[in-house]
C-alpha cells in the first residue's frame, strides 16, 4: 500500500485529537474559573474563614460547640466558661511575654521585621 493510499483512506478532520483535547481542557478550566468567580461574588468564601480561637467570635463559637456537644448543664456551662476565660488570659500572657523576650534580643531592624512577620501571621 502506498503512502497516497493511506492518506486517502484517512477521513479529513478539521480538528486533530490534540486540538480537541486542548479545547476540552480549556473549556473545563474556563467553566471552573467562572464557577469560582460566581461563588466568590455570591459570598461563599466568607464561610471559609474561621475566627481565631482567642478572638471574641472564636471564643463564643468554641464555647457554643462545647455546650452542644457535651450537653452542658447551666452550672457546668458557667464553670467551663470561667475555665476557658482563665485559659485564654493565660494564652495571651504567654504570647505577650514571649514576644517581649524575643524583642529583647533583636536589633531595631530585626524588631521591625519581626513585627511585620507577626502581622502577616495574623492574616
Protein backbone atom coordinates (compact mmCIF):
# COMPACT_ATOMS: atom_id res chain seq x y z
CA UNK A 1 0.00 0.00 0.00
CA UNK A 2 1.47 3.32 -0.96
CA UNK A 3 1.57 6.49 1.09
CA UNK A 4 -1.06 8.09 -1.13
CA UNK A 5 -3.47 5.21 -0.49
CA UNK A 6 -3.05 5.55 3.32
CA UNK A 7 -3.56 9.31 3.20
CA UNK A 8 -6.66 8.90 1.07
CA UNK A 9 -8.08 6.26 3.44
CA UNK A 10 -7.98 8.67 6.41
CA UNK A 11 -11.01 10.95 6.69
CA UNK A 12 -10.45 14.68 6.60
CA UNK A 13 -10.58 16.17 10.07
CA UNK A 14 -10.99 19.82 10.80
CA UNK A 15 -9.56 19.29 14.29
CA UNK A 16 -6.99 16.69 15.24
CA UNK A 17 -7.20 14.76 18.52
CA UNK A 18 -4.65 17.07 20.15
CA UNK A 19 -6.71 20.14 19.38
CA UNK A 20 -9.89 18.52 20.65
CA UNK A 21 -8.14 17.58 23.91
CA UNK A 22 -6.71 21.09 24.34
CA UNK A 23 -10.09 22.66 23.59
CA UNK A 24 -11.80 20.37 26.11
CA UNK A 25 -9.22 21.21 28.80
CA UNK A 26 -9.55 24.92 28.10
CA UNK A 27 -13.34 24.67 28.32
CA UNK A 28 -13.17 22.81 31.65
CA UNK A 29 -10.71 25.38 33.02
CA UNK A 30 -12.86 28.31 31.93
CA UNK A 31 -16.00 26.74 33.41
CA UNK A 32 -14.18 26.19 36.71
CA UNK A 33 -12.89 29.75 36.74
CA UNK A 34 -16.37 31.10 36.02
CA UNK A 35 -17.92 28.95 38.77
CA UNK A 36 -15.24 30.09 41.23
CA UNK A 37 -15.76 33.74 40.35
CA UNK A 38 -19.51 33.36 40.75
CA UNK A 39 -19.10 31.64 44.13
CA UNK A 40 -16.75 34.38 45.36
CA UNK A 41 -19.16 37.05 44.13
CA UNK A 42 -22.04 35.40 45.99
CA UNK A 43 -20.04 35.45 49.25
CA UNK A 44 -19.37 31.72 49.56
CA UNK A 45 -15.77 32.46 50.59
CA UNK A 46 -16.88 34.24 53.75
CA UNK A 47 -17.96 30.90 55.23
CA UNK A 48 -14.46 29.53 54.77
CA UNK A 49 -12.89 31.96 57.22
CA UNK A 50 -12.66 30.56 60.73
CA UNK A 51 -12.13 33.05 63.55
CA UNK A 52 -9.06 32.53 65.72
CA UNK A 53 -9.87 30.64 68.87
CA UNK A 54 -8.85 33.52 71.14
CA UNK A 55 -10.93 36.20 69.42
CA UNK A 56 -14.33 37.10 70.89
CA UNK A 57 -16.05 35.42 67.94
CA UNK A 58 -13.82 32.36 68.21
CA UNK A 59 -14.39 32.07 71.96
CA UNK A 60 -18.16 32.22 71.54
CA UNK A 61 -18.12 29.72 68.68
CA UNK A 62 -15.94 27.24 70.57
CA UNK A 63 -17.97 27.59 73.74
CA UNK A 64 -21.28 27.02 71.92
CA UNK A 65 -19.81 23.92 70.31
CA UNK A 66 -18.71 22.58 73.71
CA UNK A 67 -22.12 23.31 75.21
CA UNK A 68 -23.89 21.48 72.41
CA UNK A 69 -21.54 18.51 72.02
CA UNK A 70 -21.13 17.89 75.76
CA UNK A 71 -24.73 18.84 76.62
CA UNK A 72 -23.56 21.00 79.49
CA UNK A 73 -25.94 21.97 82.25
CA UNK A 74 -26.21 25.68 83.09
CA UNK A 75 -23.94 25.17 86.12
CA UNK A 76 -21.38 23.28 84.03
CA UNK A 77 -21.56 25.93 81.32
CA UNK A 78 -20.74 28.64 83.83
CA UNK A 79 -17.79 26.68 85.25
CA UNK A 80 -16.44 25.77 81.81
CA UNK A 81 -16.76 29.41 80.70
CA UNK A 82 -14.68 30.53 83.70
CA UNK A 83 -12.04 27.88 82.97
CA UNK A 84 -11.83 28.88 79.30
CA UNK A 85 -11.57 32.57 80.21
CA UNK A 86 -8.66 31.72 82.52
CA UNK A 87 -7.02 29.71 79.72
CA UNK A 88 -7.45 32.50 77.17
CA UNK A 89 -5.97 35.02 79.60
CA UNK A 90 -3.01 32.69 80.24
CA UNK A 91 -2.56 32.22 76.48
CA UNK A 92 -2.47 36.00 75.87
CA UNK A 93 0.02 36.45 78.72
CA UNK A 94 2.32 33.76 77.32
CA UNK A 95 2.19 35.31 73.84
CA UNK A 96 2.90 38.79 75.14
CA UNK A 97 5.73 37.59 77.36
CA UNK A 98 7.24 35.55 74.52
CA UNK A 99 7.08 38.50 72.13
CA UNK A 100 8.73 40.79 74.69
CA UNK A 101 11.50 38.29 75.35
CA UNK A 102 12.21 37.82 71.63
CA UNK A 103 12.30 41.58 71.05
CA UNK A 104 14.91 41.97 73.82
CA UNK A 105 17.48 40.05 71.78
CA UNK A 106 16.77 41.74 68.42
CA UNK A 107 18.24 44.91 66.97
CA UNK A 108 15.91 47.67 65.65
CA UNK A 109 15.82 46.38 62.06
CA UNK A 110 15.12 42.83 63.24
CA UNK A 111 12.33 44.12 65.51
CA UNK A 112 10.62 45.81 62.54
CA UNK A 113 10.87 42.61 60.52
CA UNK A 114 9.61 40.58 63.49
CA UNK A 115 6.57 42.87 63.82
CA UNK A 116 5.87 42.50 60.10
CA UNK A 117 6.09 38.71 60.37
CA UNK A 118 3.67 38.72 63.30
CA UNK A 119 1.20 40.85 61.38
CA UNK A 120 1.42 38.55 58.36
CA UNK A 121 0.81 35.53 60.58
CA UNK A 122 -2.43 37.09 61.85
CA UNK A 123 -3.90 37.41 58.35
